[in-house]
């Protein structure tokens, strides 16, 4: 089993994972990254959507050697009326 770190990127801000999570394979890492990104999106999208027309979020996964994968989400709105 390998320890993976799931760093959260919210726009330009990066929040490093200090603890990590022990997982057995890359499929489990991908599933956890998608779950974490979904949770992050739910928490962020409604607060940021009111003040920003576009917003990007990502979960950047690394292990002790370096980057493993990135899962990203981009939210954009186009307003036709105020």
PDB file of N, CA and C in Angstrom:
ATOM      1  N   UNK A   1       0.854  -1.183   0.000  1.00  0.00           N
ATOM      2  CA  UNK A   1       0.000   0.000   0.000  1.00  0.00           C
ATOM      3  C   UNK A   1       0.895   1.239   0.000  1.00  0.00           C
ATOM      4  N   UNK A   2       0.429   2.260  -0.687  1.00  0.00           N
ATOM      5  CA  UNK A   2       1.173   3.509  -0.834  1.00  0.00           C
ATOM      6  C   UNK A   2       0.382   4.641  -0.204  1.00  0.00           C
ATOM      7  N   UNK A   3       1.079   5.612   0.363  1.00  0.00           N
ATOM      8  CA  UNK A   3       0.418   6.802   0.897  1.00  0.00           C
ATOM      9  C   UNK A   3       0.358   7.854  -0.204  1.00  0.00           C
ATOM     10  N   UNK A   4      -0.871   8.352  -0.451  1.00  0.00           N
ATOM     11  CA  UNK A   4      -1.111   9.385  -1.457  1.00  0.00           C
ATOM     12  C   UNK A   4      -1.603  10.641  -0.755  1.00  0.00           C
ATOM     13  N   UNK A   5      -1.182  11.782  -1.273  1.00  0.00           N
ATOM     14  CA  UNK A   5      -1.568  13.079  -0.730  1.00  0.00           C
ATOM     15  C   UNK A   5      -2.489  13.764  -1.726  1.00  0.00           C
ATOM     16  N   UNK A   6      -3.624  14.251  -1.236  1.00  0.00           N
ATOM     17  CA  UNK A   6      -4.653  14.854  -2.070  1.00  0.00           C
ATOM     18  C   UNK A   6      -4.682  16.365  -1.800  1.00  0.00           C
ATOM     19  N   UNK A   7      -3.877  17.105  -2.552  1.00  0.00           N
ATOM     20  CA  UNK A   7      -3.803  18.556  -2.403  1.00  0.00           C
ATOM     21  C   UNK A   7      -4.995  19.187  -3.129  1.00  0.00           C
ATOM     22  N   UNK A   8      -5.633  20.147  -2.476  1.00  0.00           N
ATOM     23  CA  UNK A   8      -6.803  20.808  -3.043  1.00  0.00           C
ATOM     24  C   UNK A   8      -6.400  22.158  -3.632  1.00  0.00           C
ATOM     25  N   UNK A   9      -6.795  22.385  -4.879  1.00  0.00           N
ATOM     26  CA  UNK A   9      -6.558  23.681  -5.518  1.00  0.00           C
ATOM     27  C   UNK A   9      -7.920  24.322  -5.757  1.00  0.00           C
ATOM     28  N   UNK A  10      -8.083  25.543  -5.225  1.00  0.00           N
ATOM     29  CA  UNK A  10      -9.314  26.317  -5.373  1.00  0.00           C
ATOM     30  C   UNK A  10      -8.934  27.636  -6.022  1.00  0.00           C
ATOM     31  N   UNK A  11      -9.125  27.737  -7.336  1.00  0.00           N
ATOM     32  CA  UNK A  11      -8.639  28.907  -8.055  1.00  0.00           C
ATOM     33  C   UNK A  11      -7.122  28.924  -7.995  1.00  0.00           C
ATOM     34  N   UNK A  12      -6.564  30.023  -7.492  1.00  0.00           N
ATOM     35  CA  UNK A  12      -5.108  30.139  -7.375  1.00  0.00           C
ATOM     36  C   UNK A  12      -4.581  29.594  -6.042  1.00  0.00           C
ATOM     37  N   UNK A  13      -5.473  29.280  -5.116  1.00  0.00           N
ATOM     38  CA  UNK A  13      -5.071  28.827  -3.782  1.00  0.00           C
ATOM     39  C   UNK A  13      -4.832  27.312  -3.765  1.00  0.00           C
ATOM     40  N   UNK A  14      -3.737  26.904  -3.115  1.00  0.00           N
ATOM     41  CA  UNK A  14      -3.415  25.490  -2.972  1.00  0.00           C
ATOM     42  C   UNK A  14      -3.406  25.139  -1.492  1.00  0.00           C
ATOM     43  N   UNK A  15      -4.120  24.069  -1.139  1.00  0.00           N
ATOM     44  CA  UNK A  15      -4.206  23.589   0.234  1.00  0.00           C
ATOM     45  C   UNK A  15      -3.589  22.199   0.289  1.00  0.00           C
ATOM     46  N   UNK A  16      -2.320  22.097   0.717  1.00  0.00           N
ATOM     47  CA  UNK A  16      -1.628  20.804   0.736  1.00  0.00           C
ATOM     48  C   UNK A  16      -2.219  19.843   1.765  1.00  0.00           C
ATOM     49  N   UNK A  17      -2.254  18.592   1.390  1.00  0.00           N
ATOM     50  CA  UNK A  17      -2.672  17.512   2.277  1.00  0.00           C
ATOM     51  C   UNK A  17      -1.455  17.116   3.106  1.00  0.00           C
ATOM     52  N   UNK A  18      -1.532  17.295   4.399  1.00  0.00           N
ATOM     53  CA  UNK A  18      -0.404  16.996   5.297  1.00  0.00           C
ATOM     54  C   UNK A  18      -0.409  15.549   5.796  1.00  0.00           C
ATOM     55  N   UNK A  19      -1.573  14.877   5.740  1.00  0.00           N
ATOM     56  CA  UNK A  19      -1.699  13.551   6.323  1.00  0.00           C
ATOM     57  C   UNK A  19      -1.574  12.421   5.301  1.00  0.00           C
ATOM     58  N   UNK A  20      -2.208  12.566   4.172  1.00  0.00           N
ATOM     59  CA  UNK A  20      -2.204  11.516   3.170  1.00  0.00           C
ATOM     60  C   UNK A  20      -3.191  10.410   3.487  1.00  0.00           C
ATOM     61  N   UNK A  21      -3.334   9.508   2.530  1.00  0.00           N
ATOM     62  CA  UNK A  21      -4.274   8.400   2.649  1.00  0.00           C
ATOM     63  C   UNK A  21      -3.619   7.176   2.027  1.00  0.00           C
ATOM     64  N   UNK A  22      -3.663   6.075   2.734  1.00  0.00           N
ATOM     65  CA  UNK A  22      -3.050   4.844   2.250  1.00  0.00           C
ATOM     66  C   UNK A  22      -4.043   4.097   1.364  1.00  0.00           C
ATOM     67  N   UNK A  23      -3.665   3.890   0.101  1.00  0.00           N
ATOM     68  CA  UNK A  23      -4.536   3.211  -0.856  1.00  0.00           C
ATOM     69  C   UNK A  23      -3.758   2.123  -1.594  1.00  0.00           C
ATOM     70  N   UNK A  24      -4.500   1.155  -2.116  1.00  0.00           N
ATOM     71  CA  UNK A  24      -3.856  -0.029  -2.687  1.00  0.00           C
ATOM     72  C   UNK A  24      -3.453   0.085  -4.148  1.00  0.00           C
ATOM     73  N   UNK A  25      -4.156   0.930  -4.941  1.00  0.00           N
ATOM     74  CA  UNK A  25      -3.837   1.006  -6.366  1.00  0.00           C
ATOM     75  C   UNK A  25      -4.319   2.332  -6.966  1.00  0.00           C
ATOM     76  N   UNK A  26      -3.962   2.561  -8.230  1.00  0.00           N
ATOM     77  CA  UNK A  26      -4.309   3.825  -8.885  1.00  0.00           C
ATOM     78  C   UNK A  26      -5.803   3.976  -9.133  1.00  0.00           C
ATOM     79  N   UNK A  27      -6.511   2.882  -9.303  1.00  0.00           N
ATOM     80  CA  UNK A  27      -7.967   2.954  -9.448  1.00  0.00           C
ATOM     81  C   UNK A  27      -8.587   3.529  -8.177  1.00  0.00           C
ATOM     82  N   UNK A  28      -8.139   3.072  -7.025  1.00  0.00           N
ATOM     83  CA  UNK A  28      -8.628   3.600  -5.740  1.00  0.00           C
ATOM     84  C   UNK A  28      -8.257   5.073  -5.589  1.00  0.00           C
ATOM     85  N   UNK A  29      -7.080   5.453  -6.067  1.00  0.00           N
ATOM     86  CA  UNK A  29      -6.650   6.858  -6.024  1.00  0.00           C
ATOM     87  C   UNK A  29      -7.575   7.709  -6.883  1.00  0.00           C
ATOM     88  N   UNK A  30      -7.890   7.237  -8.080  1.00  0.00           N
ATOM     89  CA  UNK A  30      -8.765   7.971  -8.990  1.00  0.00           C
ATOM     90  C   UNK A  30     -10.158   8.139  -8.388  1.00  0.00           C
ATOM     91  N   UNK A  31     -10.681   7.098  -7.788  1.00  0.00           N
ATOM     92  CA  UNK A  31     -12.002   7.163  -7.160  1.00  0.00           C
ATOM     93  C   UNK A  31     -11.993   8.158  -6.005  1.00  0.00           C
ATOM     94  N   UNK A  32     -10.964   8.125  -5.176  1.00  0.00           N
ATOM     95  CA  UNK A  32     -10.867   9.041  -4.039  1.00  0.00           C
ATOM     96  C   UNK A  32     -10.710  10.485  -4.515  1.00  0.00           C
ATOM     97  N   UNK A  33      -9.945  10.711  -5.576  1.00  0.00           N
ATOM     98  CA  UNK A  33      -9.773  12.059  -6.120  1.00  0.00           C
ATOM     99  C   UNK A  33     -11.103  12.597  -6.645  1.00  0.00           C
ATOM    100  N   UNK A  34     -11.863  11.767  -7.332  1.00  0.00           N
ATOM    101  CA  UNK A  34     -13.170  12.182  -7.839  1.00  0.00           C
ATOM    102  C   UNK A  34     -14.133  12.482  -6.697  1.00  0.00           C
ATOM    103  N   UNK A  35     -14.106  11.646  -5.663  1.00  0.00           N
ATOM    104  CA  UNK A  35     -14.971  11.876  -4.498  1.00  0.00           C
ATOM    105  C   UNK A  35     -14.614  13.187  -3.806  1.00  0.00           C
ATOM    106  N   UNK A  36     -13.312  13.411  -3.613  1.00  0.00           N
ATOM    107  CA  UNK A  36     -12.853  14.634  -2.961  1.00  0.00           C
ATOM    108  C   UNK A  36     -13.205  15.868  -3.791  1.00  0.00           C
ATOM    109  N   UNK A  37     -13.051  15.773  -5.101  1.00  0.00           N
ATOM    110  CA  UNK A  37     -13.384  16.899  -5.975  1.00  0.00           C
ATOM    111  C   UNK A  37     -14.883  17.182  -5.943  1.00  0.00           C
ATOM    112  N   UNK A  38     -15.698  16.138  -5.930  1.00  0.00           N
ATOM    113  CA  UNK A  38     -17.144  16.326  -5.835  1.00  0.00           C
ATOM    114  C   UNK A  38     -17.549  17.019  -4.547  1.00  0.00           C
ATOM    115  N   UNK A  39     -16.959  16.617  -3.450  1.00  0.00           N
ATOM    116  CA  UNK A  39     -17.244  17.235  -2.157  1.00  0.00           C
ATOM    117  C   UNK A  39     -16.802  18.695  -2.151  1.00  0.00           C
ATOM    118  N   UNK A  40     -15.618  18.940  -2.666  1.00  0.00           N
ATOM    119  CA  UNK A  40     -15.086  20.302  -2.734  1.00  0.00           C
ATOM    120  C   UNK A  40     -15.973  21.185  -3.609  1.00  0.00           C
ATOM    121  N   UNK A  41     -16.429  20.636  -4.722  1.00  0.00           N
ATOM    122  CA  UNK A  41     -17.290  21.381  -5.643  1.00  0.00           C
ATOM    123  C   UNK A  41     -18.590  21.767  -4.970  1.00  0.00           C
ATOM    124  N   UNK A  42     -19.216  20.828  -4.274  1.00  0.00           N
ATOM    125  CA  UNK A  42     -20.472  21.119  -3.583  1.00  0.00           C
ATOM    126  C   UNK A  42     -20.311  22.239  -2.578  1.00  0.00           C
ATOM    127  N   UNK A  43     -19.225  22.232  -1.825  1.00  0.00           N
ATOM    128  CA  UNK A  43     -19.008  23.230  -0.790  1.00  0.00           C
ATOM    129  C   UNK A  43     -18.690  24.603  -1.365  1.00  0.00           C
ATOM    130  N   UNK A  44     -18.034  24.642  -2.502  1.00  0.00           N
ATOM    131  CA  UNK A  44     -17.514  25.897  -3.045  1.00  0.00           C
ATOM    132  C   UNK A  44     -18.424  26.552  -4.061  1.00  0.00           C
ATOM    133  N   UNK A  45     -19.076  25.782  -4.885  1.00  0.00           N
ATOM    134  CA  UNK A  45     -19.728  26.325  -6.070  1.00  0.00           C
ATOM    135  C   UNK A  45     -20.808  27.354  -5.746  1.00  0.00           C
ATOM    136  N   UNK A  46     -21.573  27.138  -4.713  1.00  0.00           N
ATOM    137  CA  UNK A  46     -22.664  28.078  -4.426  1.00  0.00           C
ATOM    138  C   UNK A  46     -22.144  29.376  -3.844  1.00  0.00           C
ATOM    139  N   UNK A  47     -21.090  29.360  -3.082  1.00  0.00           N
ATOM    140  CA  UNK A  47     -20.551  30.600  -2.530  1.00  0.00           C
ATOM    141  C   UNK A  47     -19.799  31.403  -3.578  1.00  0.00           C
ATOM    142  N   UNK A  48     -19.059  30.750  -4.448  1.00  0.00           N
ATOM    143  CA  UNK A  48     -18.265  31.441  -5.459  1.00  0.00           C
ATOM    144  C   UNK A  48     -19.098  31.807  -6.686  1.00  0.00           C
ATOM    145  N   UNK A  49     -20.129  31.031  -6.994  1.00  0.00           N
ATOM    146  CA  UNK A  49     -20.913  31.249  -8.203  1.00  0.00           C
ATOM    147  C   UNK A  49     -21.624  32.597  -8.184  1.00  0.00           C
ATOM    148  N   UNK A  50     -21.945  33.101  -7.000  1.00  0.00           N
ATOM    149  CA  UNK A  50     -22.644  34.372  -6.911  1.00  0.00           C
ATOM    150  C   UNK A  50     -21.733  35.551  -7.216  1.00  0.00           C
ATOM    151  N   UNK A  51     -20.428  35.382  -7.003  1.00  0.00           N
ATOM    152  CA  UNK A  51     -19.514  36.503  -7.161  1.00  0.00           C
ATOM    153  C   UNK A  51     -18.547  36.350  -8.327  1.00  0.00           C
ATOM    154  N   UNK A  52     -18.476  35.194  -8.948  1.00  0.00           N
ATOM    155  CA  UNK A  52     -17.527  34.964 -10.025  1.00  0.00           C
ATOM    156  C   UNK A  52     -18.222  34.325 -11.212  1.00  0.00           C
ATOM    157  N   UNK A  53     -17.821  34.735 -12.396  1.00  0.00           N
ATOM    158  CA  UNK A  53     -18.406  34.147 -13.597  1.00  0.00           C
ATOM    159  C   UNK A  53     -17.738  32.846 -13.987  1.00  0.00           C
ATOM    160  N   UNK A  54     -16.532  32.606 -13.519  1.00  0.00           N
ATOM    161  CA  UNK A  54     -15.831  31.365 -13.807  1.00  0.00           C
ATOM    162  C   UNK A  54     -14.982  30.959 -12.620  1.00  0.00           C
ATOM    163  N   UNK A  55     -14.860  29.661 -12.435  1.00  0.00           N
ATOM    164  CA  UNK A  55     -14.081  29.202 -11.293  1.00  0.00           C
ATOM    165  C   UNK A  55     -13.527  27.816 -11.605  1.00  0.00           C
ATOM    166  N   UNK A  56     -12.286  27.574 -11.188  1.00  0.00           N
ATOM    167  CA  UNK A  56     -11.654  26.278 -11.416  1.00  0.00           C
ATOM    168  C   UNK A  56     -11.195  25.680 -10.100  1.00  0.00           C
ATOM    169  N   UNK A  57     -11.360  24.355  -9.982  1.00  0.00           N
ATOM    170  CA  UNK A  57     -10.940  23.617  -8.810  1.00  0.00           C
ATOM    171  C   UNK A  57     -10.262  22.333  -9.262  1.00  0.00           C
ATOM    172  N   UNK A  58      -9.374  21.810  -8.432  1.00  0.00           N
ATOM    173  CA  UNK A  58      -8.703  20.560  -8.774  1.00  0.00           C
ATOM    174  C   UNK A  58      -8.227  19.848  -7.512  1.00  0.00           C
ATOM    175  N   UNK A  59      -8.076  18.547  -7.649  1.00  0.00           N
ATOM    176  CA  UNK A  59      -7.417  17.734  -6.637  1.00  0.00           C
ATOM    177  C   UNK A  59      -6.152  17.217  -7.309  1.00  0.00           C
ATOM    178  N   UNK A  60      -5.010  17.587  -6.749  1.00  0.00           N
ATOM    179  CA  UNK A  60      -3.718  17.184  -7.292  1.00  0.00           C
ATOM    180  C   UNK A  60      -3.140  16.104  -6.382  1.00  0.00           C
ATOM    181  N   UNK A  61      -3.008  14.916  -6.903  1.00  0.00           N
ATOM    182  CA  UNK A  61      -2.587  13.768  -6.099  1.00  0.00           C
ATOM    183  C   UNK A  61      -1.093  13.517  -6.317  1.00  0.00           C
ATOM    184  N   UNK A  62      -0.396  13.286  -5.205  1.00  0.00           N
ATOM    185  CA  UNK A  62       1.035  12.986  -5.259  1.00  0.00           C
ATOM    186  C   UNK A  62       1.341  11.874  -4.279  1.00  0.00           C
ATOM    187  N   UNK A  63       2.467  11.210  -4.514  1.00  0.00           N
ATOM    188  CA  UNK A  63       2.983  10.245  -3.552  1.00  0.00           C
ATOM    189  C   UNK A  63       4.363  10.724  -3.122  1.00  0.00           C
ATOM    190  N   UNK A  64       5.142   9.903  -2.473  1.00  0.00           N
ATOM    191  CA  UNK A  64       6.458  10.310  -1.973  1.00  0.00           C
ATOM    192  C   UNK A  64       7.425  10.658  -3.102  1.00  0.00           C
ATOM    193  N   UNK A  65       7.166  10.126  -4.296  1.00  0.00           N
ATOM    194  CA  UNK A  65       8.057  10.352  -5.437  1.00  0.00           C
ATOM    195  C   UNK A  65       7.686  11.611  -6.214  1.00  0.00           C
ATOM    196  N   UNK A  66       6.391  11.928  -6.308  1.00  0.00           N
ATOM    197  CA  UNK A  66       5.961  13.098  -7.057  1.00  0.00           C
ATOM    198  C   UNK A  66       4.509  12.994  -7.497  1.00  0.00           C
ATOM    199  N   UNK A  67       4.109  13.807  -8.502  1.00  0.00           N
ATOM    200  CA  UNK A  67       2.715  13.834  -8.971  1.00  0.00           C
ATOM    201  C   UNK A  67       2.249  12.488  -9.510  1.00  0.00           C
ATOM    202  N   UNK A  68       0.960  12.181  -9.234  1.00  0.00           N
ATOM    203  CA  UNK A  68       0.356  10.929  -9.684  1.00  0.00           C
ATOM    204  C   UNK A  68      -0.776  11.218 -10.683  1.00  0.00           C
ATOM    205  N   UNK A  69      -1.691  12.108 -10.306  1.00  0.00           N
ATOM    206  CA  UNK A  69      -2.778  12.494 -11.210  1.00  0.00           C
ATOM    207  C   UNK A  69      -3.430  13.772 -10.721  1.00  0.00           C
ATOM    208  N   UNK A  70      -4.180  14.405 -11.617  1.00  0.00           N
ATOM    209  CA  UNK A  70      -4.963  15.596 -11.284  1.00  0.00           C
ATOM    210  C   UNK A  70      -6.385  15.380 -11.771  1.00  0.00           C
ATOM    211  N   UNK A  71      -7.349  15.686 -10.902  1.00  0.00           N
ATOM    212  CA  UNK A  71      -8.764  15.683 -11.279  1.00  0.00           C
ATOM    213  C   UNK A  71      -9.246  17.121 -11.173  1.00  0.00           C
ATOM    214  N   UNK A  72      -9.803  17.667 -12.246  1.00  0.00           N
ATOM    215  CA  UNK A  72     -10.177  19.073 -12.246  1.00  0.00           C
ATOM    216  C   UNK A  72     -11.637  19.307 -12.580  1.00  0.00           C
ATOM    217  N   UNK A  73     -12.100  20.494 -12.191  1.00  0.00           N
ATOM    218  CA  UNK A  73     -13.476  20.909 -12.444  1.00  0.00           C
ATOM    219  C   UNK A  73     -13.467  22.395 -12.761  1.00  0.00           C
ATOM    220  N   UNK A  74     -14.165  22.781 -13.808  1.00  0.00           N
ATOM    221  CA  UNK A  74     -14.273  24.184 -14.183  1.00  0.00           C
ATOM    222  C   UNK A  74     -15.739  24.554 -14.249  1.00  0.00           C
ATOM    223  N   UNK A  75     -16.106  25.643 -13.596  1.00  0.00           N
ATOM    224  CA  UNK A  75     -17.485  26.105 -13.568  1.00  0.00           C
ATOM    225  C   UNK A  75     -17.540  27.486 -14.181  1.00  0.00           C
ATOM    226  N   UNK A  76     -18.425  27.666 -15.168  1.00  0.00           N
ATOM    227  CA  UNK A  76     -18.594  28.966 -15.800  1.00  0.00           C
ATOM    228  C   UNK A  76     -20.071  29.273 -15.938  1.00  0.00           C
ATOM    229  N   UNK A  77     -20.410  30.539 -15.804  1.00  0.00           N
ATOM    230  CA  UNK A  77     -21.785  30.980 -16.031  1.00  0.00           C
ATOM    231  C   UNK A  77     -21.782  32.075 -17.077  1.00  0.00           C
ATOM    232  N   UNK A  78     -22.879  32.179 -17.774  1.00  0.00           N
ATOM    233  CA  UNK A  78     -23.073  33.262 -18.731  1.00  0.00           C
ATOM    234  C   UNK A  78     -24.420  33.895 -18.426  1.00  0.00           C
ATOM    235  N   UNK A  79     -24.389  35.124 -17.961  1.00  0.00           N
ATOM    236  CA  UNK A  79     -25.627  35.812 -17.570  1.00  0.00           C
ATOM    237  C   UNK A  79     -26.170  36.608 -18.748  1.00  0.00           C
ATOM    238  N   UNK A  80     -27.459  36.485 -18.958  1.00  0.00           N
ATOM    239  CA  UNK A  80     -28.119  37.246 -20.020  1.00  0.00           C
ATOM    240  C   UNK A  80     -28.904  38.420 -19.451  1.00  0.00           C
ATOM    241  N   UNK A  81     -29.227  38.356 -18.165  1.00  0.00           N
ATOM    242  CA  UNK A  81     -29.937  39.443 -17.485  1.00  0.00           C
ATOM    243  C   UNK A  81     -29.343  39.620 -16.099  1.00  0.00           C
ATOM    244  N   UNK A  82     -29.451  40.804 -15.578  1.00  0.00           N
ATOM    245  CA  UNK A  82     -28.973  41.073 -14.210  1.00  0.00           C
ATOM    246  C   UNK A  82     -29.992  40.705 -13.190  1.00  0.00           C
TER     247      UNK A  82
END
